[in-house]
Amino acid sequence: MIKIYSVLMLTLCLCLTGCRSFGELGARAQDPVVYSNPTDASEHIARIRFVGNVTGTSILQKSNPGLKNHYLVPHTMLGFYNETRDIGIPKLTYRPQDYKGYYFEIKIRSEPTIVNISTDAGPHGYCVTSFLITPEAGKDYDLNYDQKENSKICVLHFNEIVRDPTTSVTVLKPAPYQVKKKYGQGFDD
């Protein structure tokens, strides 16, 4: 009886509101700001590849007006849209699994940047944390958070992508970053 009542109410709502009801399902609930690549000259730009699920990941750059977080992918009433975006950062031949799932590449200003990661709860736990990075202009980076690595703490791997001069193979070289004490802190904390 409850199922029939639910279907009748849904049908009534759709009849009263028309087709606009379906359009509202995809509308942004709070309209969070989505990141877009900067238009600065290339000598002020670095590139970062986020490996894995980027839903719930946002960045905050020191030059952002109003210091607002910018999400990598849009969020709607139905949740985040996960996607892959490739802008040509060199791939690692010894880690092809990184490119079978989601990865998301962006251009970013070379300035202090806070990366906020907020994952959904799952069988391997969840992560809510912030990291401060300062990418250097003209360099490529790989930012990898693997939720399966450790369910007790949030582990981030932030590496510069470089070409080994002896083997000519693209490899990862650890890059400096700082773990923020609390999620969403500003640059002075």
Protein backbone atom coordinates (compact mmCIF):
# COMPACT_ATOMS: atom_id res chain seq x y z
CA MET A 1 0.00 0.00 0.00
CA ILE A 2 2.86 2.39 0.85
CA LYS A 3 4.48 1.76 -2.56
CA ILE A 4 1.24 2.56 -4.37
CA TYR A 5 0.78 5.73 -2.31
CA SER A 6 4.38 6.82 -3.08
CA VAL A 7 3.93 6.26 -6.82
CA LEU A 8 0.63 8.16 -6.80
CA MET A 9 2.20 11.13 -4.96
CA LEU A 10 5.17 11.20 -7.33
CA THR A 11 2.86 11.10 -10.34
CA LEU A 12 0.75 13.90 -8.88
CA CYS A 13 3.84 16.05 -8.25
CA LEU A 14 5.11 15.48 -11.79
CA CYS A 15 1.71 16.34 -13.25
CA LEU A 16 1.53 19.58 -11.26
CA THR A 17 5.11 20.72 -11.89
CA GLY A 18 5.62 19.38 -15.41
CA CYS A 19 8.92 18.52 -17.03
CA ARG A 20 10.81 21.18 -15.04
CA SER A 21 10.99 18.67 -12.20
CA PHE A 22 13.56 16.62 -14.07
CA GLY A 23 15.69 19.68 -14.83
CA GLU A 24 15.82 20.58 -11.16
CA LEU A 25 17.31 17.18 -10.27
CA GLY A 26 20.58 18.22 -11.88
CA ALA A 27 20.57 21.78 -10.59
CA ARG A 28 23.27 22.72 -8.13
CA ALA A 29 22.05 22.78 -4.56
CA GLN A 30 24.52 25.35 -3.22
CA ASP A 31 26.33 26.09 -6.48
CA PRO A 32 29.90 25.57 -5.21
CA VAL A 33 32.60 27.18 -7.30
CA VAL A 34 34.21 24.80 -9.79
CA TYR A 35 37.90 25.21 -10.59
CA SER A 36 38.91 26.48 -14.01
CA ASN A 37 42.44 26.68 -15.38
CA PRO A 38 44.10 30.10 -14.99
CA THR A 39 44.71 32.24 -18.03
CA ASP A 40 48.07 33.55 -16.76
CA ALA A 41 51.18 33.40 -18.92
CA SER A 42 52.69 29.91 -19.01
CA GLU A 43 55.82 30.99 -17.11
CA HIS A 44 53.63 31.32 -13.97
CA ILE A 45 51.86 27.96 -14.36
CA ALA A 46 52.49 24.44 -13.06
CA ARG A 47 50.44 21.34 -13.91
CA ILE A 48 49.06 18.78 -11.45
CA ARG A 49 47.56 15.36 -12.05
CA PHE A 50 45.15 14.17 -9.35
CA VAL A 51 45.13 10.37 -9.50
CA GLY A 52 41.99 8.48 -8.47
CA ASN A 53 38.65 9.69 -7.27
CA VAL A 54 38.56 13.52 -7.20
CA THR A 55 35.02 13.93 -5.88
CA GLY A 56 35.06 16.12 -2.79
CA THR A 57 38.52 17.51 -3.64
CA SER A 58 38.87 21.27 -3.67
CA ILE A 59 41.74 23.71 -3.93
CA LEU A 60 42.29 27.14 -2.49
CA GLN A 61 44.99 29.38 -3.94
CA LYS A 62 46.37 32.39 -2.11
CA SER A 63 45.34 34.72 -4.96
CA ASN A 64 41.69 33.49 -5.04
CA PRO A 65 39.32 36.41 -4.52
CA GLY A 66 37.56 35.99 -1.19
CA LEU A 67 39.68 32.88 -0.51
CA LYS A 68 36.94 30.50 -1.70
CA ASN A 69 37.50 26.81 -2.29
CA HIS A 70 37.17 25.66 -5.88
CA TYR A 71 36.00 22.08 -6.40
CA LEU A 72 37.68 20.08 -9.14
CA VAL A 73 34.41 18.61 -10.39
CA PRO A 74 30.82 19.95 -10.14
CA HIS A 75 28.46 18.95 -7.35
CA THR A 76 24.70 18.71 -7.77
CA MET A 77 21.77 17.43 -5.76
CA LEU A 78 22.70 14.01 -7.13
CA GLY A 79 26.31 14.28 -5.86
CA PHE A 80 29.66 15.01 -7.48
CA TYR A 81 30.37 14.16 -11.09
CA ASN A 82 33.59 12.17 -11.29
CA GLU A 83 35.44 12.49 -14.56
CA THR A 84 38.80 12.18 -16.25
CA ARG A 85 40.56 15.16 -17.79
CA ASP A 86 43.86 14.84 -19.66
CA ILE A 87 45.85 17.96 -20.58
CA GLY A 88 49.01 16.15 -21.66
CA ILE A 89 51.05 15.63 -18.50
CA PRO A 90 53.59 12.82 -19.17
CA LYS A 91 52.34 9.37 -18.09
CA LEU A 92 54.34 6.95 -15.96
CA THR A 93 54.92 3.77 -17.96
CA TYR A 94 55.49 1.71 -14.79
CA ARG A 95 52.08 2.72 -13.31
CA PRO A 96 49.51 2.09 -16.06
CA GLN A 97 46.83 1.32 -13.45
CA ASP A 98 46.74 5.04 -12.59
CA TYR A 99 45.20 5.81 -15.97
CA LYS A 100 42.61 3.03 -16.09
CA GLY A 101 40.44 4.72 -13.48
CA TYR A 102 39.83 8.40 -12.90
CA TYR A 103 42.55 11.01 -13.10
CA PHE A 104 42.15 14.73 -13.44
CA GLU A 105 44.81 17.12 -14.75
CA ILE A 106 44.80 20.88 -14.19
CA LYS A 107 46.95 23.93 -14.73
CA ILE A 108 47.58 25.89 -11.57
CA ARG A 109 49.30 29.12 -10.57
CA SER A 110 52.70 28.63 -8.94
CA GLU A 111 51.78 29.92 -5.49
CA PRO A 112 50.82 28.49 -2.10
CA THR A 113 47.81 26.22 -2.58
CA ILE A 114 45.70 24.32 -0.07
CA VAL A 115 44.32 20.98 -1.26
CA ASN A 116 41.25 19.87 0.71
CA ILE A 117 40.30 16.21 0.48
CA SER A 118 36.95 15.03 1.78
CA THR A 119 36.06 11.50 0.74
CA ASP A 120 32.87 9.54 1.27
CA ALA A 121 32.86 6.84 3.90
CA GLY A 122 33.54 3.43 2.44
CA PRO A 123 34.88 0.01 3.37
CA HIS A 124 38.36 1.52 3.82
CA GLY A 125 37.25 4.43 6.00
CA TYR A 126 37.16 8.06 4.92
CA CYS A 127 39.50 11.04 4.77
CA VAL A 128 38.91 14.67 5.63
CA THR A 129 42.16 16.61 5.57
CA SER A 130 44.07 19.54 4.09
CA PHE A 131 47.55 19.85 2.64
CA LEU A 132 49.59 22.93 1.73
CA ILE A 133 51.63 22.68 -1.47
CA THR A 134 53.61 25.26 -3.44
CA PRO A 135 53.99 24.08 -7.04
CA GLU A 136 56.83 25.61 -9.06
CA ALA A 137 56.17 27.17 -12.45
CA GLY A 138 56.97 24.99 -15.45
CA LYS A 139 56.89 21.74 -13.46
CA ASP A 140 54.49 18.80 -13.55
CA TYR A 141 53.21 17.09 -10.38
CA ASP A 142 51.38 13.92 -9.41
CA LEU A 143 49.05 14.11 -6.40
CA ASN A 144 47.84 10.70 -5.31
CA TYR A 145 45.61 9.81 -2.41
CA ASP A 146 44.88 6.11 -2.08
CA GLN A 147 42.08 5.53 0.41
CA LYS A 148 42.99 1.84 0.63
CA GLU A 149 46.53 2.51 1.82
CA ASN A 150 45.72 3.32 5.45
CA SER A 151 42.24 3.57 6.96
CA LYS A 152 43.52 5.20 10.18
CA ILE A 153 45.21 8.31 8.72
CA CYS A 154 45.01 10.28 5.49
CA VAL A 155 48.10 9.65 3.38
CA LEU A 156 48.98 11.90 0.46
CA HIS A 157 51.71 11.37 -2.10
CA PHE A 158 52.81 14.61 -3.77
CA ASN A 159 55.56 14.13 -6.33
CA GLU A 160 57.22 16.05 -9.10
CA ILE A 161 57.15 14.25 -12.47
CA VAL A 162 60.69 14.24 -13.90
CA ARG A 163 62.62 12.45 -16.62
CA ASP A 164 65.50 10.33 -15.29
CA PRO A 165 68.58 11.53 -17.22
CA THR A 166 70.26 8.12 -17.25
CA THR A 167 67.31 6.01 -18.40
CA SER A 168 65.09 8.67 -20.05
CA VAL A 169 62.13 7.19 -18.15
CA THR A 170 59.53 9.47 -16.55
CA VAL A 171 59.64 8.96 -12.76
CA LEU A 172 58.30 10.52 -9.57
CA LYS A 173 60.49 12.60 -7.26
CA PRO A 174 59.02 13.49 -3.82
CA ALA A 175 57.95 17.14 -3.58
CA PRO A 176 57.51 19.06 -0.30
CA TYR A 177 54.10 19.58 1.26
CA GLN A 178 52.71 20.38 4.70
CA VAL A 179 49.80 18.68 6.44
CA LYS A 180 47.36 21.24 7.83
CA LYS A 181 46.30 20.66 11.45
CA LYS A 182 42.62 21.16 10.71
CA TYR A 183 40.53 20.77 7.57
CA GLY A 184 39.85 24.01 5.74
CA GLN A 185 42.37 26.19 7.59
CA GLY A 186 43.71 29.29 5.92
CA PHE A 187 47.26 30.04 4.87
CA ASP A 188 48.29 31.61 8.19
CA ASP A 189 47.23 28.66 10.37
